Protein backbone atom coordinates (compact mmCIF):
# COMPACT_ATOMS: atom_id res chain seq x y z
CA MET A 1 132.67 77.11 119.75
CA PRO A 2 129.50 76.10 121.62
CA SER A 3 129.84 75.51 125.36
CA PHE A 4 127.72 74.38 128.30
CA LYS A 5 127.86 74.36 132.11
CA CYS A 6 125.60 72.22 134.31
CA SER A 7 125.43 75.09 136.79
CA ASP A 8 123.66 77.21 134.14
CA ILE A 9 120.59 75.00 134.47
CA GLY A 10 120.63 74.99 138.26
CA MET A 11 122.62 71.80 138.83
CA LYS A 12 125.11 71.73 141.71
CA CYS A 13 127.77 70.37 139.38
CA GLY A 14 131.05 71.78 138.13
CA PHE A 15 130.83 70.16 134.70
CA GLU A 16 131.77 72.44 131.80
CA THR A 17 132.41 71.42 128.21
CA SER A 18 132.79 72.86 124.74
CA ALA A 19 133.03 71.32 121.29
CA GLY A 20 133.54 72.21 117.66
CA SER A 21 129.87 71.67 116.83
CA GLN A 22 126.48 71.58 118.54
CA ASP A 23 126.12 67.87 117.71
CA GLU A 24 129.42 67.00 119.39
CA LEU A 25 128.52 69.19 122.38
CA MET A 26 125.19 67.38 122.82
CA LYS A 27 127.00 64.01 122.74
CA ARG A 28 129.34 65.19 125.50
CA ILE A 29 126.43 66.51 127.56
CA ALA A 30 124.48 63.25 127.15
CA GLU A 31 127.53 61.20 128.18
CA HIS A 32 128.03 63.38 131.26
CA ALA A 33 124.33 63.19 132.17
CA ARG A 34 124.50 59.40 132.00
CA GLU A 35 127.77 58.97 133.90
CA ALA A 36 127.48 61.71 136.54
CA HIS A 37 123.73 62.11 136.99
CA GLY A 38 122.47 58.61 136.19
CA MET A 39 120.23 59.81 133.36
CA THR A 40 119.77 57.07 130.77
CA THR A 41 117.65 59.54 128.80
CA ILE A 42 117.41 63.29 129.16
CA PRO A 43 113.83 64.39 129.91
CA ASP A 44 112.34 66.84 127.40
CA ASP A 45 112.11 69.68 129.93
CA VAL A 46 115.78 69.27 130.89
CA LEU A 47 116.78 69.04 127.22
CA GLU A 48 115.06 72.37 126.56
CA GLN A 49 116.92 73.95 129.51
CA VAL A 50 120.20 72.55 128.18
CA LYS A 51 119.58 73.94 124.68
CA LYS A 52 118.75 77.37 126.08
CA ALA A 53 121.91 77.36 128.23
CA ILE A 54 124.32 76.54 125.38
CA ARG A 55 126.58 79.48 124.65
CA PRO A 56 127.77 80.06 121.07
């Protein structure tokens, strides 16, 4: 089950999530980024960091 933590990309944030698929995980991450960090879009460099930080 893929999982992600904001802290793994250097954010001072306690957000952690996991999902049954990578697609669902990315939806949860995007929703969190919008609601908690005010990101209407995720910049390419941050997206790359997120993808590298996802744990299988």
